[in-house]
Amino acid sequence: MDYSQFFNMLPEATLMAILVIVFIADFALHGNDKKHTVLYGLTGLLMLAQIAPCALAEPTSAFGGLYVTSNAVNVMKLILTAGTLIVLIMAQPWLNRGDVKNKAGEFYMLVISTLLGMYMMMSSGHFLMFFLGLEMASVPMACLVAFDKMKKNSAEGAAKFILTATFSSGVMLYGISFIYGAVGTLYFDDVAAQISTSPLTIMGLVFFFSGLGFKISLVPFHFWTADTYQGAPTAVTGYLSVISKGAATLTLMMILCKVFAPMVDYWEYLLSIVIVLTITIGNLFAIRQNELKRFMAFSSISQAGYIMLAAIGASTTGVAALTYYVLVYVVANLSVFTVISVVEQNNNGMTRMNGYNGLYKTNPKLAFLMTLALFSLAGIPPFAGMFSKFFVFMAAAEQGSFMAYFVVFIALINTVVSLYYYLLIVKAMYINNEEAPLPTFRSDCNTRLALALCTAGIVAFGVFSCVYEWIAAAAN
């Protein structure tokens, strides 16, 4: 075997090196009083440096087509790496807690392991490589969800996550076996060249789509999401809601457009129905929530529907729109979860919406930054969220069919609904004053840095058109 092919996998190789370095550092610093500070600084610097290999990587393949990457995939790797760095920063107030501080090394290694699995999943050229990458991302994620294992909600959320992940993986493998039975190969290019519409391939497509639908939280495969988001530590919930979703949505779109291109009439119809259900049900159930992490879970379900709108057109415009949407979603959603995390740490674990009543009086900066992030998620101009929704609507409308226009119309109506429930939080912070407001507190440096990065992205990505142009150039 030609081991020099590993150099074609530059982002994966460097991330694997980071994982080994963090593991050795965690072991070597055992018993050191400054272990947490040193380990955090080292991991943060290494993850910041990891952005460079993602930015410099070229389209390439390795190991006979098992590994295939493109400019669009490398851009998504860069976005997810930057988002992971923000998660590590926002997690510091929680990791400084006495019962968690000694496990910070394990947290960093699990996060990096999960990201490595997402890299492999997005760069797969073979169904087996894709499945291995998916499991590499899913198993460490279950450990992250159960990180606060002594808490009932955390253990329950992890159990539901691992059970549904196992079931969805089985369903997906069942679908892949149908595809293999129909064409006799698992390489994406060979499947695309030989696949034809038959009962066997249709069943394979449905089972494969259902399995990955669980990972993305598309309706009706979303039932695990709210309990898992509520039970997981808030930093993990933020990571699960954006980084995992970004990798899975791009992978699903690329496989549908590349492998199942001859069956586009079937999967576009299936995808359109799922998108309408996902956006509508996610929005309607979000309105009923009083617990913020469950609220953001249903918001995340709805956002998954918006992201997958870009796949309807099956075009390079759709790839660019999806990638840009994920970029904006990362900064906006992580901004919200950073505020939720810091309020939780300073209010005895309170994550209910009524705990934010009158927040602007005691913590006006946090209330303002939370409002900006929520407005971006709702798609209010001039924030970046408005442009991201516009691009996915345009990508879907490019398809030109009545079904595509109908789905876009339903999505536009649901945008108004989403604005209503996001404003419920704004109302709690600025209008509701019946209960005692949250006490005044000063955010730590890591929280302020994470919020500064996210807010800068919310504003800048909607102002500087060069960001979308760069993404669009990579998608072509």
Protein backbone atom coordinates (compact mmCIF):
# COMPACT_ATOMS: atom_id res chain seq x y z
CA MET A 1 0.00 0.00 0.00
CA ASP A 2 1.24 3.50 -0.83
CA TYR A 3 1.24 5.25 2.55
CA SER A 4 2.03 8.58 0.88
CA GLN A 5 -1.68 8.75 0.09
CA PHE A 6 -2.25 9.84 3.67
CA PHE A 7 -0.76 13.21 2.62
CA ASN A 8 -3.79 13.62 0.35
CA MET A 9 -5.89 13.56 3.51
CA LEU A 10 -4.23 16.64 4.96
CA PRO A 11 -7.12 17.93 7.16
CA GLU A 12 -7.76 14.44 8.56
CA ALA A 13 -4.06 13.76 9.16
CA THR A 14 -3.49 17.02 11.02
CA LEU A 15 -6.67 16.57 13.09
CA MET A 16 -5.55 13.06 14.02
CA ALA A 17 -2.18 14.51 15.08
CA ILE A 18 -4.01 17.06 17.25
CA LEU A 19 -5.99 14.25 18.89
CA VAL A 20 -2.77 12.36 19.72
CA ILE A 21 -1.07 15.51 21.06
CA VAL A 22 -4.04 16.36 23.31
CA PHE A 23 -4.15 12.77 24.58
CA ILE A 24 -0.43 12.79 25.44
CA ALA A 25 -0.68 16.25 27.04
CA ASP A 26 -3.65 15.18 29.16
CA PHE A 27 -1.69 12.15 30.36
CA ALA A 28 1.57 14.07 30.95
CA LEU A 29 -0.10 16.90 32.89
CA HIS A 30 -1.83 14.56 35.36
CA GLY A 31 -1.52 16.01 38.84
CA ASN A 32 -0.38 19.43 37.61
CA ASP A 33 -2.28 22.30 39.26
CA LYS A 34 -2.29 24.24 35.98
CA LYS A 35 -3.37 21.27 33.87
CA HIS A 36 -6.73 22.73 32.87
CA THR A 37 -5.29 26.09 31.76
CA VAL A 38 -2.41 24.54 29.83
CA LEU A 39 -4.62 21.94 28.17
CA TYR A 40 -7.21 24.52 27.15
CA GLY A 41 -4.56 26.84 25.70
CA LEU A 42 -2.87 24.00 23.81
CA THR A 43 -6.13 22.62 22.39
CA GLY A 44 -7.36 26.07 21.41
CA LEU A 45 -4.12 26.92 19.57
CA LEU A 46 -4.05 23.57 17.78
CA MET A 47 -7.67 23.90 16.66
CA LEU A 48 -6.97 27.44 15.47
CA ALA A 49 -4.02 26.10 13.46
CA GLN A 50 -6.27 23.33 12.05
CA ILE A 51 -8.08 25.98 10.02
CA ALA A 52 -5.00 26.32 7.79
CA PRO A 53 -4.97 22.71 6.45
CA CYS A 54 -8.69 22.98 5.69
CA ALA A 55 -8.14 26.24 3.83
CA LEU A 56 -5.09 24.97 1.91
CA ALA A 57 -6.42 21.50 1.00
CA GLU A 58 -6.96 20.78 -2.68
CA PRO A 59 -9.56 18.52 -4.37
CA THR A 60 -8.06 15.05 -4.34
CA SER A 61 -8.74 11.35 -3.83
CA ALA A 62 -6.96 8.48 -2.09
CA PHE A 63 -7.08 4.72 -1.58
CA GLY A 64 -8.74 3.89 -4.85
CA GLY A 65 -11.61 6.31 -4.48
CA LEU A 66 -12.58 5.48 -0.88
CA TYR A 67 -11.57 9.03 0.05
CA VAL A 68 -12.70 11.84 -2.27
CA THR A 69 -12.78 15.51 -1.42
CA SER A 70 -13.67 18.74 -3.20
CA ASN A 71 -13.40 22.47 -2.63
CA ALA A 72 -16.96 22.59 -1.28
CA VAL A 73 -16.18 19.87 1.26
CA ASN A 74 -12.98 21.62 2.33
CA VAL A 75 -14.89 24.86 2.89
CA MET A 76 -17.40 23.00 5.07
CA LYS A 77 -14.53 21.44 7.03
CA LEU A 78 -13.13 24.92 7.63
CA ILE A 79 -16.53 26.19 8.82
CA LEU A 80 -17.06 23.25 11.16
CA THR A 81 -13.53 23.54 12.55
CA ALA A 82 -14.05 27.23 13.32
CA GLY A 83 -17.42 26.39 14.91
CA THR A 84 -15.77 23.69 17.04
CA LEU A 85 -13.21 26.22 18.24
CA ILE A 86 -16.04 28.53 19.33
CA VAL A 87 -17.67 25.61 21.18
CA LEU A 88 -14.42 24.94 23.05
CA ILE A 89 -14.27 28.61 24.05
CA MET A 90 -17.89 28.82 25.18
CA ALA A 91 -17.54 25.58 27.16
CA GLN A 92 -14.88 26.96 29.51
CA PRO A 93 -17.19 28.33 32.26
CA TRP A 94 -18.82 24.91 32.45
CA LEU A 95 -15.48 23.03 32.30
CA ASN A 96 -14.18 25.19 35.17
CA ARG A 97 -16.90 23.74 37.39
CA GLY A 98 -15.51 21.56 40.16
CA ASP A 99 -17.23 18.30 39.20
CA VAL A 100 -16.23 18.61 35.53
CA LYS A 101 -12.81 20.28 35.65
CA ASN A 102 -10.86 17.03 35.99
CA LYS A 103 -12.57 15.66 32.84
CA ALA A 104 -11.71 18.54 30.50
CA GLY A 105 -9.14 16.43 28.63
CA GLU A 106 -11.73 13.78 27.86
CA PHE A 107 -14.10 16.48 26.62
CA TYR A 108 -11.52 17.86 24.19
CA MET A 109 -10.64 14.40 22.87
CA LEU A 110 -14.26 13.42 22.36
CA VAL A 111 -15.00 16.65 20.50
CA ILE A 112 -11.96 16.21 18.23
CA SER A 113 -12.85 12.54 17.62
CA THR A 114 -16.36 13.51 16.61
CA LEU A 115 -15.06 16.18 14.24
CA LEU A 116 -12.68 13.66 12.67
CA GLY A 117 -15.61 11.35 11.98
CA MET A 118 -17.46 14.22 10.30
CA TYR A 119 -14.41 14.92 8.13
CA MET A 120 -14.34 11.30 6.98
CA MET A 121 -18.09 11.22 6.39
CA MET A 122 -18.01 14.29 4.14
CA SER A 123 -14.97 13.07 2.18
CA SER A 124 -16.20 9.54 1.56
CA GLY A 125 -16.42 8.12 -1.94
CA HIS A 126 -17.74 4.75 -0.82
CA PHE A 127 -20.73 3.75 1.30
CA LEU A 128 -18.53 1.80 3.71
CA MET A 129 -16.24 4.79 4.30
CA PHE A 130 -19.32 6.97 4.76
CA PHE A 131 -20.77 4.61 7.36
CA LEU A 132 -17.50 4.37 9.29
CA GLY A 133 -17.22 8.16 9.35
CA LEU A 134 -20.81 8.45 10.53
CA GLU A 135 -20.21 6.03 13.40
CA MET A 136 -16.92 7.77 14.29
CA ALA A 137 -18.97 10.92 14.73
CA SER A 138 -21.95 9.33 16.51
CA VAL A 139 -20.32 7.19 19.22
CA PRO A 140 -18.16 9.95 20.79
CA MET A 141 -21.18 12.27 20.54
CA ALA A 142 -23.16 9.87 22.75
CA CYS A 143 -20.35 10.09 25.33
CA LEU A 144 -20.51 13.90 25.16
CA VAL A 145 -24.28 13.89 25.72
CA ALA A 146 -23.75 11.70 28.83
CA PHE A 147 -20.84 13.81 30.11
CA ASP A 148 -22.81 14.88 33.20
CA LYS A 149 -23.60 11.24 33.83
CA MET A 150 -24.71 11.76 37.44
CA LYS A 151 -27.58 13.95 36.28
CA LYS A 152 -30.79 12.12 35.43
CA ASN A 153 -31.56 14.21 32.33
CA SER A 154 -28.07 13.70 30.92
CA ALA A 155 -28.21 9.91 31.29
CA GLU A 156 -31.73 9.81 29.81
CA GLY A 157 -30.76 12.03 26.88
CA ALA A 158 -27.68 9.90 26.14
CA ALA A 159 -29.71 6.68 26.29
CA LYS A 160 -32.26 8.03 23.81
CA PHE A 161 -29.50 9.34 21.56
CA ILE A 162 -27.53 6.08 21.42
CA LEU A 163 -30.65 3.93 20.99
CA THR A 164 -32.00 6.03 18.12
CA ALA A 165 -28.52 6.32 16.60
CA THR A 166 -28.14 2.54 16.68
CA PHE A 167 -31.57 2.00 15.17
CA SER A 168 -31.00 4.58 12.43
CA SER A 169 -27.62 3.05 11.60
CA GLY A 170 -29.28 -0.35 11.22
CA VAL A 171 -31.96 1.09 8.97
CA MET A 172 -29.31 2.83 6.88
CA LEU A 173 -27.22 -0.34 6.52
CA TYR A 174 -30.33 -2.18 5.44
CA GLY A 175 -30.86 0.41 2.70
CA ILE A 176 -27.20 0.26 1.64
CA SER A 177 -27.47 -3.54 1.36
CA PHE A 178 -30.41 -3.10 -1.04
CA ILE A 179 -28.34 -0.74 -3.16
CA TYR A 180 -25.43 -3.18 -3.19
CA GLY A 181 -27.77 -6.00 -4.16
CA ALA A 182 -29.05 -3.94 -7.08
CA VAL A 183 -25.74 -2.68 -8.53
CA GLY A 184 -23.02 -4.90 -7.01
CA THR A 185 -20.78 -2.05 -5.84
CA LEU A 186 -20.59 0.54 -3.04
CA TYR A 187 -18.41 3.16 -4.76
CA PHE A 188 -20.43 6.33 -5.27
CA ASP A 189 -19.34 6.87 -8.89
CA ASP A 190 -20.02 3.25 -9.86
CA VAL A 191 -23.42 3.23 -8.15
CA ALA A 192 -24.41 6.44 -9.98
CA ALA A 193 -23.37 4.91 -13.31
CA GLN A 194 -25.26 1.64 -12.84
CA ILE A 195 -28.27 2.44 -10.66
CA SER A 196 -31.72 2.38 -12.22
CA THR A 197 -35.24 2.77 -10.94
CA SER A 198 -36.46 -0.52 -9.52
CA PRO A 199 -38.35 -1.60 -6.38
CA LEU A 200 -35.03 -2.67 -4.81
CA THR A 201 -33.27 0.67 -5.40
CA ILE A 202 -36.34 2.66 -4.32
CA MET A 203 -36.43 0.76 -1.03
CA GLY A 204 -32.69 1.27 -0.65
CA LEU A 205 -33.09 5.01 -1.20
CA VAL A 206 -35.96 5.26 1.33
CA PHE A 207 -34.10 3.32 4.04
CA PHE A 208 -30.86 5.24 3.45
CA PHE A 209 -32.69 8.57 3.58
CA SER A 210 -34.54 7.50 6.74
CA GLY A 211 -31.31 6.52 8.49
CA LEU A 212 -29.60 9.84 7.77
CA GLY A 213 -32.84 11.69 8.54
CA PHE A 214 -32.46 10.52 12.15
CA LYS A 215 -29.00 12.13 12.33
CA ILE A 216 -30.28 15.45 10.96
CA SER A 217 -33.53 15.41 13.02
CA LEU A 218 -35.82 15.59 10.02
CA VAL A 219 -39.50 14.89 10.74
CA PRO A 220 -40.67 12.15 11.36
CA PHE A 221 -37.25 11.02 12.64
CA HIS A 222 -36.90 13.79 15.23
CA PHE A 223 -38.35 12.33 18.43
CA TRP A 224 -35.01 11.97 20.22
CA THR A 225 -33.95 15.57 19.68
CA ALA A 226 -35.70 17.52 22.46
CA ASP A 227 -34.82 15.10 25.28
CA THR A 228 -31.22 14.79 24.13
CA TYR A 229 -30.77 18.56 23.78
CA GLN A 230 -32.26 19.14 27.22
CA GLY A 231 -30.21 16.44 28.93
CA ALA A 232 -26.83 17.20 27.37
CA PRO A 233 -24.53 19.89 28.80
CA THR A 234 -25.35 23.19 27.09
CA ALA A 235 -21.99 23.39 25.29
CA VAL A 236 -22.56 19.87 23.92
CA THR A 237 -26.09 20.81 22.87
CA GLY A 238 -24.70 23.73 20.90
CA TYR A 239 -22.11 21.48 19.27
CA LEU A 240 -24.70 18.85 18.40
CA SER A 241 -27.14 21.40 16.99
CA VAL A 242 -24.79 23.05 14.50
CA ILE A 243 -21.56 21.14 13.82
CA SER A 244 -23.12 17.69 13.54
CA LYS A 245 -26.04 19.03 11.53
CA GLY A 246 -23.79 20.89 9.10
CA ALA A 247 -21.74 17.80 8.27
CA ALA A 248 -24.77 15.52 7.91
CA THR A 249 -26.80 17.88 5.70
CA LEU A 250 -23.95 18.48 3.23
CA THR A 251 -23.24 14.74 3.07
CA LEU A 252 -26.90 13.90 2.44
CA MET A 253 -27.18 16.50 -0.30
CA MET A 254 -24.00 15.34 -2.04
CA ILE A 255 -25.02 11.67 -1.96
CA LEU A 256 -28.53 12.44 -3.23
CA CYS A 257 -27.23 14.64 -6.04
CA LYS A 258 -24.31 12.40 -6.97
CA VAL A 259 -25.24 8.79 -6.25
CA PHE A 260 -29.02 8.95 -6.68
CA ALA A 261 -29.04 11.45 -9.55
CA PRO A 262 -30.84 8.98 -11.90
CA MET A 263 -33.63 8.72 -9.31
CA VAL A 264 -34.03 12.47 -8.79
CA ASP A 265 -37.78 12.44 -9.51
CA TYR A 266 -38.33 10.09 -6.59
CA TRP A 267 -36.09 11.65 -3.93
CA GLU A 268 -37.05 15.25 -4.73
CA TYR A 269 -40.69 14.39 -4.09
CA LEU A 270 -39.76 12.56 -0.86
CA LEU A 271 -37.48 15.41 0.25
CA SER A 272 -40.14 18.05 -0.45
CA ILE A 273 -42.68 16.28 1.78
CA VAL A 274 -40.14 15.84 4.58
CA ILE A 275 -39.05 19.50 4.38
CA VAL A 276 -42.63 20.79 4.67
CA LEU A 277 -43.29 18.53 7.67
CA THR A 278 -39.95 19.37 9.31
CA ILE A 279 -40.29 23.14 9.09
CA THR A 280 -43.97 23.20 10.07
CA ILE A 281 -43.88 20.72 12.96
CA GLY A 282 -40.61 22.13 14.30
CA ASN A 283 -42.10 25.63 14.41
CA LEU A 284 -45.43 24.61 15.92
CA PHE A 285 -43.86 22.57 18.71
CA ALA A 286 -41.31 25.32 19.46
CA ILE A 287 -44.15 27.71 20.31
CA ARG A 288 -45.28 25.39 23.13
CA GLN A 289 -41.88 25.15 24.87
CA ASN A 290 -40.99 26.88 28.14
CA GLU A 291 -37.59 25.24 28.57
CA LEU A 292 -35.02 27.00 26.40
CA LYS A 293 -32.94 23.97 25.42
CA ARG A 294 -36.08 22.11 24.30
CA PHE A 295 -37.16 25.32 22.57
CA MET A 296 -33.86 25.43 20.66
CA ALA A 297 -34.22 21.72 19.86
CA PHE A 298 -37.43 22.32 17.92
CA SER A 299 -35.90 25.44 16.41
CA SER A 300 -33.02 23.22 15.26
CA ILE A 301 -35.48 20.75 13.72
CA SER A 302 -37.10 23.59 11.78
CA GLN A 303 -33.71 24.95 10.70
CA ALA A 304 -32.78 21.49 9.37
CA GLY A 305 -35.76 21.76 7.04
CA TYR A 306 -34.58 25.16 5.80
CA ILE A 307 -31.06 23.82 5.23
CA MET A 308 -32.33 20.89 3.16
CA LEU A 309 -34.34 23.28 0.97
CA ALA A 310 -31.09 23.89 -0.88
CA ALA A 311 -30.97 20.23 -1.95
CA ILE A 312 -34.22 20.39 -3.97
CA GLY A 313 -32.54 22.11 -6.90
CA ALA A 314 -29.70 19.52 -7.01
CA SER A 315 -27.32 22.19 -8.33
CA THR A 316 -24.05 23.90 -7.49
CA THR A 317 -26.14 26.90 -6.40
CA GLY A 318 -27.81 24.62 -3.87
CA VAL A 319 -24.43 23.45 -2.51
CA ALA A 320 -23.32 27.08 -2.09
CA ALA A 321 -26.63 28.06 -0.45
CA LEU A 322 -26.49 25.11 1.97
CA THR A 323 -22.88 25.84 2.95
CA TYR A 324 -23.60 29.53 3.48
CA TYR A 325 -26.70 28.70 5.54
CA VAL A 326 -24.64 26.41 7.78
CA LEU A 327 -22.00 29.12 8.20
CA VAL A 328 -24.59 31.67 9.34
CA TYR A 329 -26.43 29.09 11.44
CA VAL A 330 -23.22 28.19 13.27
CA VAL A 331 -22.54 31.71 14.52
CA ALA A 332 -26.18 32.59 15.29
CA ASN A 333 -27.04 29.36 17.11
CA LEU A 334 -23.77 29.23 19.06
CA SER A 335 -24.36 32.83 20.15
CA VAL A 336 -27.73 31.80 21.62
CA PHE A 337 -26.26 28.74 23.34
CA THR A 338 -23.38 30.80 24.75
CA VAL A 339 -25.90 33.11 26.44
CA ILE A 340 -27.95 30.13 27.65
CA SER A 341 -24.78 28.55 29.06
CA VAL A 342 -23.56 31.62 30.94
CA VAL A 343 -27.03 32.33 32.36
CA GLU A 344 -27.30 28.69 33.42
CA GLN A 345 -23.94 28.87 35.19
CA ASN A 346 -24.94 32.02 37.06
CA ASN A 347 -28.54 31.14 37.88
CA ASN A 348 -28.35 27.71 39.55
CA GLY A 349 -28.84 25.78 36.33
CA MET A 350 -31.97 27.71 35.25
CA THR A 351 -32.81 27.17 31.58
CA ARG A 352 -36.53 27.96 31.66
CA MET A 353 -37.74 30.94 29.66
CA ASN A 354 -39.21 32.73 32.70
CA GLY A 355 -35.68 32.88 34.12
CA TYR A 356 -34.92 35.49 31.44
CA ASN A 357 -37.68 37.87 32.51
CA GLY A 358 -36.25 41.37 32.79
CA LEU A 359 -32.77 40.26 31.71
CA TYR A 360 -32.15 43.58 29.93
CA LYS A 361 -32.33 45.45 33.26
CA THR A 362 -29.51 43.54 34.93
CA ASN A 363 -27.53 42.25 31.93
CA PRO A 364 -28.34 44.54 28.98
CA LYS A 365 -25.37 43.45 26.84
CA LEU A 366 -26.29 39.78 27.05
CA ALA A 367 -29.93 40.59 26.25
CA PHE A 368 -28.87 42.68 23.24
CA LEU A 369 -26.52 40.02 21.82
CA MET A 370 -29.17 37.33 22.38
CA THR A 371 -31.67 39.48 20.47
CA LEU A 372 -29.29 39.91 17.52
CA ALA A 373 -28.76 36.14 17.32
CA LEU A 374 -32.49 35.39 17.51
CA PHE A 375 -33.25 37.97 14.81
CA SER A 376 -30.66 36.32 12.56
CA LEU A 377 -32.18 32.88 13.16
CA ALA A 378 -35.59 34.33 12.30
CA GLY A 379 -34.26 35.83 9.07
CA ILE A 380 -34.79 39.51 9.87
CA PRO A 381 -32.74 41.95 7.74
CA PRO A 382 -30.05 43.20 7.73
CA PHE A 383 -28.59 40.25 9.63
CA ALA A 384 -26.93 37.34 7.87
CA GLY A 385 -29.83 34.99 8.58
CA MET A 386 -32.04 36.87 6.11
CA PHE A 387 -29.54 36.35 3.28
CA SER A 388 -29.03 32.68 4.13
CA LYS A 389 -32.79 32.03 3.90
CA PHE A 390 -32.98 34.02 0.67
CA PHE A 391 -30.26 31.90 -0.95
CA VAL A 392 -31.84 28.56 0.02
CA PHE A 393 -35.22 29.80 -1.25
CA MET A 394 -33.62 30.79 -4.55
CA ALA A 395 -31.78 27.47 -4.84
CA ALA A 396 -35.03 25.55 -4.31
CA ALA A 397 -37.01 27.78 -6.71
CA GLU A 398 -34.39 27.16 -9.44
CA GLN A 399 -35.82 23.66 -9.78
CA GLY A 400 -38.82 25.28 -11.45
CA SER A 401 -41.53 22.74 -10.64
CA PHE A 402 -44.85 23.40 -8.94
CA MET A 403 -43.73 21.25 -5.98
CA ALA A 404 -40.58 23.37 -5.49
CA TYR A 405 -42.58 26.62 -5.53
CA PHE A 406 -45.09 25.13 -3.10
CA VAL A 407 -42.34 24.09 -0.65
CA VAL A 408 -40.77 27.56 -0.83
CA PHE A 409 -44.19 29.14 -0.21
CA ILE A 410 -44.76 26.99 2.89
CA ALA A 411 -41.24 27.83 4.10
CA LEU A 412 -41.94 31.55 3.70
CA ILE A 413 -45.13 31.26 5.76
CA ASN A 414 -43.25 29.35 8.44
CA THR A 415 -40.64 32.10 8.58
CA VAL A 416 -43.35 34.37 10.01
CA VAL A 417 -44.24 31.68 12.56
CA SER A 418 -40.59 31.33 13.57
CA LEU A 419 -40.34 35.09 14.06
CA TYR A 420 -43.23 34.86 16.54
CA TYR A 421 -41.65 32.23 18.76
CA TYR A 422 -38.18 33.80 18.66
CA LEU A 423 -39.81 37.04 19.80
CA LEU A 424 -41.18 35.19 22.84
CA ILE A 425 -37.64 35.18 24.26
CA VAL A 426 -37.16 38.85 23.36
CA LYS A 427 -40.48 39.59 25.09
CA ALA A 428 -39.30 37.77 28.21
CA MET A 429 -36.03 39.76 28.30
CA TYR A 430 -37.47 43.22 27.59
CA ILE A 431 -41.16 43.21 28.58
CA ASN A 432 -41.93 40.52 31.17
CA ASN A 433 -41.14 41.83 34.64
CA GLU A 434 -43.48 39.87 36.87
CA GLU A 435 -40.74 37.83 38.54
CA ALA A 436 -37.42 38.88 40.03
CA PRO A 437 -34.92 39.34 37.19
CA LEU A 438 -31.66 37.46 36.95
CA PRO A 439 -28.99 38.99 39.24
CA THR A 440 -26.31 41.15 37.66
CA PHE A 441 -23.11 39.26 36.92
CA ARG A 442 -19.97 39.77 34.87
CA SER A 443 -19.29 37.31 32.09
CA ASP A 444 -15.87 35.70 31.98
CA CYS A 445 -13.33 36.40 29.22
CA ASN A 446 -14.09 33.17 27.31
CA THR A 447 -17.81 33.92 27.16
CA ARG A 448 -17.14 37.45 25.94
CA LEU A 449 -14.73 36.14 23.29
CA ALA A 450 -17.21 33.53 22.03
CA LEU A 451 -20.02 36.11 21.88
CA ALA A 452 -17.75 38.62 20.11
CA LEU A 453 -16.81 36.09 17.42
CA CYS A 454 -20.41 34.97 16.89
CA THR A 455 -21.83 38.51 16.81
CA ALA A 456 -19.14 39.63 14.38
CA GLY A 457 -20.12 36.75 12.11
CA ILE A 458 -23.85 37.55 12.37
CA VAL A 459 -23.18 41.11 11.23
CA ALA A 460 -20.27 40.62 8.82
CA PHE A 461 -21.60 37.62 6.88
CA GLY A 462 -24.68 39.63 5.98
CA VAL A 463 -22.70 42.72 4.92
CA PHE A 464 -19.69 41.40 3.01
CA SER A 465 -20.82 39.67 -0.18
CA CYS A 466 -17.31 38.28 -0.71
CA VAL A 467 -18.10 35.55 1.85
CA TYR A 468 -20.89 34.08 -0.27
CA GLU A 469 -18.88 34.61 -3.47
CA TRP A 470 -16.00 32.60 -1.96
CA ILE A 471 -18.36 29.77 -1.02
CA ALA A 472 -20.05 29.87 -4.44
CA ALA A 473 -16.68 29.71 -6.23
CA ALA A 474 -15.76 26.62 -4.18
CA ALA A 475 -19.08 24.93 -5.03
CA ASN A 476 -18.62 25.33 -8.81
